[in-house]
Amino acid sequence: MLNKLLKLLIPIVCTAFVTSLAEVTVTAAGPRPEIARASLTRHGAAARVPLSARGQAALAREVRRELVTLPYYDVFDWLESEVRADGTAVLRGQVARPATRSDAEARVKDVKGVARVVNEIEVLPVSPEDERLRFALYRAIYHFDSPLFRYATRVNPPIHIVVRNGRAVLKGVVTNESERDLAYLAARGVPGLFEVRNELRVENKAAR
């Protein structure tokens, strides 16, 4: 009777021992695949080190440089950007050509240190009347008899003229308050405009 009982128990004990040994071997070799994958995902999400304040400022300058040197960026467009600590570059502004919007995104994506680009640039609607107003405003502000004419000779004049549905906004940075007021008064004298907003900043105040 005892012999029969031993014959039945020995295979069961051996099977249990082999199974336990296999589990120990897997544990010693490392975590299960699904645990390893979760660990990698968790570490990957936190792998990027936030930029320092100095690094963030340097990256912002590089992004700005790329924007203002775009081939078709001109006085009738306005682009600005924000660089966040995680390397995200947010692009904003208004452009007259759809290509300028896509070119801006492509340029900034290639900047070393930019992790991703959020493109919030608005493409202004096509309007013959708005186009007429743009050139009328340009002539009024950068007239050769005006003290502001010296800005017109620059590759990228500091006073930008954004027109949308008959409403104009002046953007950019000028040297002093009198130039800011002069540009606004010149724009107000252009017939056909519903509104003119003066968002020009003065150089020494803009640097603060």
C-alpha atoms as a PDB file:
ATOM      1  CA  MET A   1       0.000   0.000   0.000  1.00  0.00           C
ATOM      2  CA  LEU A   2       2.840   2.382   0.968  1.00  0.00           C
ATOM      3  CA  ASN A   3       4.709   1.589  -2.222  1.00  0.00           C
ATOM      4  CA  LYS A   4       1.664   2.449  -4.330  1.00  0.00           C
ATOM      5  CA  LEU A   5       1.257   5.772  -2.473  1.00  0.00           C
ATOM      6  CA  LEU A   6       4.926   6.675  -3.042  1.00  0.00           C
ATOM      7  CA  LYS A   7       4.620   5.889  -6.758  1.00  0.00           C
ATOM      8  CA  LEU A   8       1.720   8.337  -6.975  1.00  0.00           C
ATOM      9  CA  LEU A   9       3.392  11.161  -4.982  1.00  0.00           C
ATOM     10  CA  ILE A  10       6.854  11.140  -6.582  1.00  0.00           C
ATOM     11  CA  PRO A  11       5.736  12.449 -10.060  1.00  0.00           C
ATOM     12  CA  ILE A  12       3.649  15.191  -8.414  1.00  0.00           C
ATOM     13  CA  VAL A  13       6.541  16.362  -6.209  1.00  0.00           C
ATOM     14  CA  CYS A  14       8.969  16.330  -9.146  1.00  0.00           C
ATOM     15  CA  THR A  15       6.621  18.409 -11.310  1.00  0.00           C
ATOM     16  CA  ALA A  16       6.156  20.979  -8.540  1.00  0.00           C
ATOM     17  CA  PHE A  17       9.926  21.210  -8.023  1.00  0.00           C
ATOM     18  CA  VAL A  18      10.635  21.775 -11.745  1.00  0.00           C
ATOM     19  CA  THR A  19       7.938  24.482 -11.940  1.00  0.00           C
ATOM     20  CA  SER A  20       9.366  26.304  -8.896  1.00  0.00           C
ATOM     21  CA  LEU A  21      12.871  26.104 -10.341  1.00  0.00           C
ATOM     22  CA  ALA A  22      11.662  27.645 -13.631  1.00  0.00           C
ATOM     23  CA  GLU A  23      10.014  30.529 -11.794  1.00  0.00           C
ATOM     24  CA  VAL A  24      13.195  31.215  -9.836  1.00  0.00           C
ATOM     25  CA  THR A  25      15.229  31.216 -13.056  1.00  0.00           C
ATOM     26  CA  VAL A  26      12.881  33.758 -14.735  1.00  0.00           C
ATOM     27  CA  THR A  27      12.950  36.021 -11.665  1.00  0.00           C
ATOM     28  CA  ALA A  28      16.737  35.926 -11.519  1.00  0.00           C
ATOM     29  CA  ALA A  29      17.010  36.738 -15.237  1.00  0.00           C
ATOM     30  CA  GLY A  30      14.913  39.922 -14.880  1.00  0.00           C
ATOM     31  CA  PRO A  31      11.367  41.237 -14.805  1.00  0.00           C
ATOM     32  CA  ARG A  32       8.644  39.885 -17.006  1.00  0.00           C
ATOM     33  CA  PRO A  33       8.462  41.473 -20.487  1.00  0.00           C
ATOM     34  CA  GLU A  34       5.280  43.446 -19.733  1.00  0.00           C
ATOM     35  CA  ILE A  35       6.849  44.907 -16.562  1.00  0.00           C
ATOM     36  CA  ALA A  36      10.018  45.836 -18.462  1.00  0.00           C
ATOM     37  CA  ARG A  37       7.991  47.604 -21.157  1.00  0.00           C
ATOM     38  CA  ALA A  38       6.051  49.618 -18.583  1.00  0.00           C
ATOM     39  CA  SER A  39       9.281  50.627 -16.908  1.00  0.00           C
ATOM     40  CA  LEU A  40      10.765  51.800 -20.197  1.00  0.00           C
ATOM     41  CA  THR A  41       7.645  53.795 -21.041  1.00  0.00           C
ATOM     42  CA  ARG A  42       7.623  55.412 -17.644  1.00  0.00           C
ATOM     43  CA  HIS A  43      11.295  56.392 -17.857  1.00  0.00           C
ATOM     44  CA  GLY A  44      10.954  57.527 -21.487  1.00  0.00           C
ATOM     45  CA  ALA A  45       8.199  60.008 -20.614  1.00  0.00           C
ATOM     46  CA  ALA A  46      10.404  61.718 -18.044  1.00  0.00           C
ATOM     47  CA  ALA A  47      13.685  61.428 -19.947  1.00  0.00           C
ATOM     48  CA  ARG A  48      13.819  65.059 -21.255  1.00  0.00           C
ATOM     49  CA  VAL A  49      15.513  67.468 -18.868  1.00  0.00           C
ATOM     50  CA  PRO A  50      13.778  70.890 -18.677  1.00  0.00           C
ATOM     51  CA  LEU A  51      15.722  73.793 -20.160  1.00  0.00           C
ATOM     52  CA  SER A  52      17.415  76.233 -17.822  1.00  0.00           C
ATOM     53  CA  ALA A  53      16.313  79.881 -17.987  1.00  0.00           C
ATOM     54  CA  ARG A  54      19.469  80.708 -19.957  1.00  0.00           C
ATOM     55  CA  GLY A  55      18.977  77.779 -22.329  1.00  0.00           C
ATOM     56  CA  GLN A  56      15.341  78.718 -22.834  1.00  0.00           C
ATOM     57  CA  ALA A  57      16.289  82.319 -23.677  1.00  0.00           C
ATOM     58  CA  ALA A  58      19.009  81.185 -26.092  1.00  0.00           C
ATOM     59  CA  LEU A  59      16.609  78.832 -27.856  1.00  0.00           C
ATOM     60  CA  ALA A  60      13.987  81.592 -28.074  1.00  0.00           C
ATOM     61  CA  ARG A  61      16.532  83.856 -29.809  1.00  0.00           C
ATOM     62  CA  GLU A  62      17.420  81.135 -32.301  1.00  0.00           C
ATOM     63  CA  VAL A  63      13.749  80.472 -33.085  1.00  0.00           C
ATOM     64  CA  ARG A  64      13.140  84.204 -33.544  1.00  0.00           C
ATOM     65  CA  ARG A  65      16.111  84.474 -35.902  1.00  0.00           C
ATOM     66  CA  GLU A  66      14.735  81.671 -38.065  1.00  0.00           C
ATOM     67  CA  LEU A  67      11.328  83.348 -38.261  1.00  0.00           C
ATOM     68  CA  VAL A  68      12.510  86.819 -39.278  1.00  0.00           C
ATOM     69  CA  THR A  69      14.820  85.403 -41.965  1.00  0.00           C
ATOM     70  CA  LEU A  70      12.104  83.417 -43.758  1.00  0.00           C
ATOM     71  CA  PRO A  71      12.298  84.129 -47.529  1.00  0.00           C
ATOM     72  CA  TYR A  72       8.777  85.572 -47.879  1.00  0.00           C
ATOM     73  CA  TYR A  73       8.348  87.121 -44.442  1.00  0.00           C
ATOM     74  CA  ASP A  74       7.703  90.816 -45.038  1.00  0.00           C
ATOM     75  CA  VAL A  75       6.195  93.999 -43.653  1.00  0.00           C
ATOM     76  CA  PHE A  76       2.632  92.696 -44.143  1.00  0.00           C
ATOM     77  CA  ASP A  77       3.211  89.648 -41.894  1.00  0.00           C
ATOM     78  CA  TRP A  78       3.765  89.370 -38.174  1.00  0.00           C
ATOM     79  CA  LEU A  79       5.306  86.356 -36.454  1.00  0.00           C
ATOM     80  CA  GLU A  80       6.100  85.780 -32.798  1.00  0.00           C
ATOM     81  CA  SER A  81       7.018  82.750 -30.741  1.00  0.00           C
ATOM     82  CA  GLU A  82       7.118  81.296 -27.253  1.00  0.00           C
ATOM     83  CA  VAL A  83       9.658  78.684 -26.163  1.00  0.00           C
ATOM     84  CA  ARG A  84       8.699  76.566 -23.165  1.00  0.00           C
ATOM     85  CA  ALA A  85      10.974  74.778 -20.705  1.00  0.00           C
ATOM     86  CA  ASP A  86      10.192  71.381 -22.262  1.00  0.00           C
ATOM     87  CA  GLY A  87      11.507  72.544 -25.653  1.00  0.00           C
ATOM     88  CA  THR A  88       8.091  73.231 -27.185  1.00  0.00           C
ATOM     89  CA  ALA A  89       8.031  76.194 -29.586  1.00  0.00           C
ATOM     90  CA  VAL A  90       4.620  77.867 -29.997  1.00  0.00           C
ATOM     91  CA  LEU A  91       4.304  79.964 -33.171  1.00  0.00           C
ATOM     92  CA  ARG A  92       1.742  82.773 -33.393  1.00  0.00           C
ATOM     93  CA  GLY A  93       0.918  85.718 -35.619  1.00  0.00           C
ATOM     94  CA  GLN A  94      -0.657  86.511 -38.969  1.00  0.00           C
ATOM     95  CA  VAL A  95       0.670  85.992 -42.494  1.00  0.00           C
ATOM     96  CA  ALA A  96      -0.645  86.906 -45.926  1.00  0.00           C
ATOM     97  CA  ARG A  97       0.596  83.702 -47.641  1.00  0.00           C
ATOM     98  CA  PRO A  98      -0.169  80.109 -46.549  1.00  0.00           C
ATOM     99  CA  ALA A  99       3.384  79.102 -47.548  1.00  0.00           C
ATOM    100  CA  THR A 100       4.843  81.413 -44.898  1.00  0.00           C
ATOM    101  CA  ARG A 101       2.932  79.523 -42.205  1.00  0.00           C
ATOM    102  CA  SER A 102       4.204  76.109 -43.314  1.00  0.00           C
ATOM    103  CA  ASP A 103       7.745  77.415 -43.932  1.00  0.00           C
ATOM    104  CA  ALA A 104       7.885  78.838 -40.413  1.00  0.00           C
ATOM    105  CA  GLU A 105       6.945  75.491 -38.891  1.00  0.00           C
ATOM    106  CA  ALA A 106       9.459  73.587 -41.033  1.00  0.00           C
ATOM    107  CA  ARG A 107      12.286  75.992 -40.182  1.00  0.00           C
ATOM    108  CA  VAL A 108      11.654  75.907 -36.433  1.00  0.00           C
ATOM    109  CA  LYS A 109      11.375  72.103 -36.370  1.00  0.00           C
ATOM    110  CA  ASP A 110      14.978  71.945 -37.601  1.00  0.00           C
ATOM    111  CA  VAL A 111      16.302  74.157 -34.798  1.00  0.00           C
ATOM    112  CA  LYS A 112      18.500  72.152 -32.436  1.00  0.00           C
ATOM    113  CA  GLY A 113      16.848  71.903 -29.028  1.00  0.00           C
ATOM    114  CA  VAL A 114      13.245  72.254 -30.237  1.00  0.00           C
ATOM    115  CA  ALA A 115      11.309  69.172 -29.133  1.00  0.00           C
ATOM    116  CA  ARG A 116       8.066  69.973 -30.960  1.00  0.00           C
ATOM    117  CA  VAL A 117       6.277  72.843 -32.696  1.00  0.00           C
ATOM    118  CA  VAL A 118       2.739  74.095 -32.039  1.00  0.00           C
ATOM    119  CA  ASN A 119       1.688  76.169 -35.049  1.00  0.00           C
ATOM    120  CA  GLU A 120      -0.992  78.755 -34.204  1.00  0.00           C
ATOM    121  CA  ILE A 121      -0.160  81.134 -37.061  1.00  0.00           C
ATOM    122  CA  GLU A 122      -3.249  82.575 -38.765  1.00  0.00           C
ATOM    123  CA  VAL A 123      -3.372  82.875 -42.549  1.00  0.00           C
ATOM    124  CA  LEU A 124      -5.153  86.115 -43.452  1.00  0.00           C
ATOM    125  CA  PRO A 125      -8.098  85.792 -45.852  1.00  0.00           C
ATOM    126  CA  VAL A 126      -7.561  86.743 -49.488  1.00  0.00           C
ATOM    127  CA  SER A 127      -9.131  90.153 -50.136  1.00  0.00           C
ATOM    128  CA  PRO A 128      -8.356  92.675 -52.915  1.00  0.00           C
ATOM    129  CA  GLU A 129      -9.567  95.481 -50.642  1.00  0.00           C
ATOM    130  CA  ASP A 130      -7.281  94.397 -47.799  1.00  0.00           C
ATOM    131  CA  GLU A 131      -4.402  94.189 -50.268  1.00  0.00           C
ATOM    132  CA  ARG A 132      -5.109  97.756 -51.422  1.00  0.00           C
ATOM    133  CA  LEU A 133      -5.180  98.956 -47.824  1.00  0.00           C
ATOM    134  CA  ARG A 134      -1.856  97.253 -47.046  1.00  0.00           C
ATOM    135  CA  PHE A 135      -0.029  99.177 -49.768  1.00  0.00           C
ATOM    136  CA  ALA A 136      -1.840 102.424 -48.924  1.00  0.00           C
ATOM    137  CA  LEU A 137      -0.755 102.065 -45.290  1.00  0.00           C
ATOM    138  CA  TYR A 138       2.814 101.271 -46.330  1.00  0.00           C
ATOM    139  CA  ARG A 139       3.010 104.408 -48.470  1.00  0.00           C
ATOM    140  CA  ALA A 140       1.504 106.544 -45.696  1.00  0.00           C
ATOM    141  CA  ILE A 141       3.835 105.273 -42.953  1.00  0.00           C
ATOM    142  CA  TYR A 142       7.071 104.946 -44.945  1.00  0.00           C
ATOM    143  CA  HIS A 143       6.579 108.057 -47.102  1.00  0.00           C
ATOM    144  CA  PHE A 144       9.923 109.523 -48.218  1.00  0.00           C
ATOM    145  CA  ASP A 145       9.113 112.831 -46.461  1.00  0.00           C
ATOM    146  CA  SER A 146       8.473 111.046 -43.166  1.00  0.00           C
ATOM    147  CA  PRO A 147      11.121 110.494 -40.449  1.00  0.00           C
ATOM    148  CA  LEU A 148      10.040 106.850 -40.621  1.00  0.00           C
ATOM    149  CA  PHE A 149      11.321 106.519 -44.188  1.00  0.00           C
ATOM    150  CA  ARG A 150      14.751 105.484 -42.886  1.00  0.00           C
ATOM    151  CA  TYR A 151      13.162 102.233 -41.688  1.00  0.00           C
ATOM    152  CA  ALA A 152      11.903 101.400 -45.188  1.00  0.00           C
ATOM    153  CA  THR A 153      15.443 100.721 -46.407  1.00  0.00           C
ATOM    154  CA  ARG A 154      15.864  97.782 -44.012  1.00  0.00           C
ATOM    155  CA  VAL A 155      15.410  94.195 -45.170  1.00  0.00           C
ATOM    156  CA  ASN A 156      12.885  93.709 -42.398  1.00  0.00           C
ATOM    157  CA  PRO A 157      11.298  97.094 -41.512  1.00  0.00           C
ATOM    158  CA  PRO A 158      10.364  97.351 -37.814  1.00  0.00           C
ATOM    159  CA  ILE A 159       6.796  98.557 -38.332  1.00  0.00           C
ATOM    160  CA  HIS A 160       4.623  95.707 -39.589  1.00  0.00           C
ATOM    161  CA  ILE A 161       1.167  96.268 -41.039  1.00  0.00           C
ATOM    162  CA  VAL A 162      -1.435  93.548 -40.484  1.00  0.00           C
ATOM    163  CA  VAL A 163      -4.764  94.063 -42.269  1.00  0.00           C
ATOM    164  CA  ARG A 164      -7.784  91.829 -41.851  1.00  0.00           C
ATOM    165  CA  ASN A 165     -11.275  92.672 -43.131  1.00  0.00           C
ATOM    166  CA  GLY A 166     -10.576  96.389 -43.348  1.00  0.00           C
ATOM    167  CA  ARG A 167      -9.014  96.602 -39.871  1.00  0.00           C
ATOM    168  CA  ALA A 168      -5.331  97.367 -39.415  1.00  0.00           C
ATOM    169  CA  VAL A 169      -2.930  96.599 -36.580  1.00  0.00           C
ATOM    170  CA  LEU A 170       0.535  98.125 -36.335  1.00  0.00           C
ATOM    171  CA  LYS A 171       3.099  95.717 -34.868  1.00  0.00           C
ATOM    172  CA  GLY A 172       6.788  95.973 -34.080  1.00  0.00           C
ATOM    173  CA  VAL A 173       9.312  98.064 -32.176  1.00  0.00           C
ATOM    174  CA  VAL A 174      10.266 101.713 -32.778  1.00  0.00           C
ATOM    175  CA  THR A 175      12.907 103.934 -31.191  1.00  0.00           C
ATOM    176  CA  ASN A 176      10.692 106.359 -29.256  1.00  0.00           C
ATOM    177  CA  GLU A 177       7.146 107.454 -28.448  1.00  0.00           C
ATOM    178  CA  SER A 178       7.080 110.140 -31.134  1.00  0.00           C
ATOM    179  CA  GLU A 179       7.738 107.543 -33.858  1.00  0.00           C
ATOM    180  CA  ARG A 180       5.008 105.357 -32.392  1.00  0.00           C
ATOM    181  CA  ASP A 181       2.535 108.239 -32.526  1.00  0.00           C
ATOM    182  CA  LEU A 182       3.666 109.326 -35.983  1.00  0.00           C
ATOM    183  CA  ALA A 183       3.046 105.858 -37.449  1.00  0.00           C
ATOM    184  CA  TYR A 184      -0.395 105.723 -35.860  1.00  0.00           C
ATOM    185  CA  LEU A 185      -1.416 109.154 -37.161  1.00  0.00           C
ATOM    186  CA  ALA A 186      -0.211 108.257 -40.668  1.00  0.00           C
ATOM    187  CA  ALA A 187      -2.237 105.043 -40.600  1.00  0.00           C
ATOM    188  CA  ARG A 188      -5.345 106.822 -39.361  1.00  0.00           C
ATOM    189  CA  GLY A 189      -5.204 109.087 -42.410  1.00  0.00           C
ATOM    190  CA  VAL A 190      -5.662 106.195 -44.874  1.00  0.00           C
ATOM    191  CA  PRO A 191      -9.253 106.203 -46.212  1.00  0.00           C
ATOM    192  CA  GLY A 192     -11.325 102.998 -46.213  1.00  0.00           C
ATOM    193  CA  LEU A 193     -10.179 101.602 -42.878  1.00  0.00           C
ATOM    194  CA  PHE A 194     -12.727 100.627 -40.235  1.00  0.00           C
ATOM    195  CA  GLU A 195     -10.189 100.606 -37.419  1.00  0.00           C
ATOM    196  CA  VAL A 196      -6.492 101.101 -36.650  1.00  0.00           C
ATOM    197  CA  ARG A 197      -4.896  99.595 -33.524  1.00  0.00           C
ATOM    198  CA  ASN A 198      -1.462 100.735 -32.457  1.00  0.00           C
ATOM    199  CA  GLU A 199       0.451  97.863 -30.850  1.00  0.00           C
ATOM    200  CA  LEU A 200       3.891  99.277 -31.582  1.00  0.00           C
ATOM    201  CA  ARG A 201       6.317  99.087 -28.667  1.00  0.00           C
ATOM    202  CA  VAL A 202       9.075 101.532 -27.795  1.00  0.00           C
ATOM    203  CA  GLU A 203      12.570 100.060 -27.930  1.00  0.00           C
ATOM    204  CA  ASN A 204      13.787 100.762 -24.370  1.00  0.00           C
ATOM    205  CA  LYS A 205      10.448  99.682 -22.859  1.00  0.00           C
ATOM    206  CA  ALA A 206      10.283  96.522 -24.994  1.00  0.00           C
ATOM    207  CA  ALA A 207      13.668  95.417 -23.616  1.00  0.00           C
ATOM    208  CA  ARG A 208      12.386  95.411 -20.023  1.00  0.00           C
END
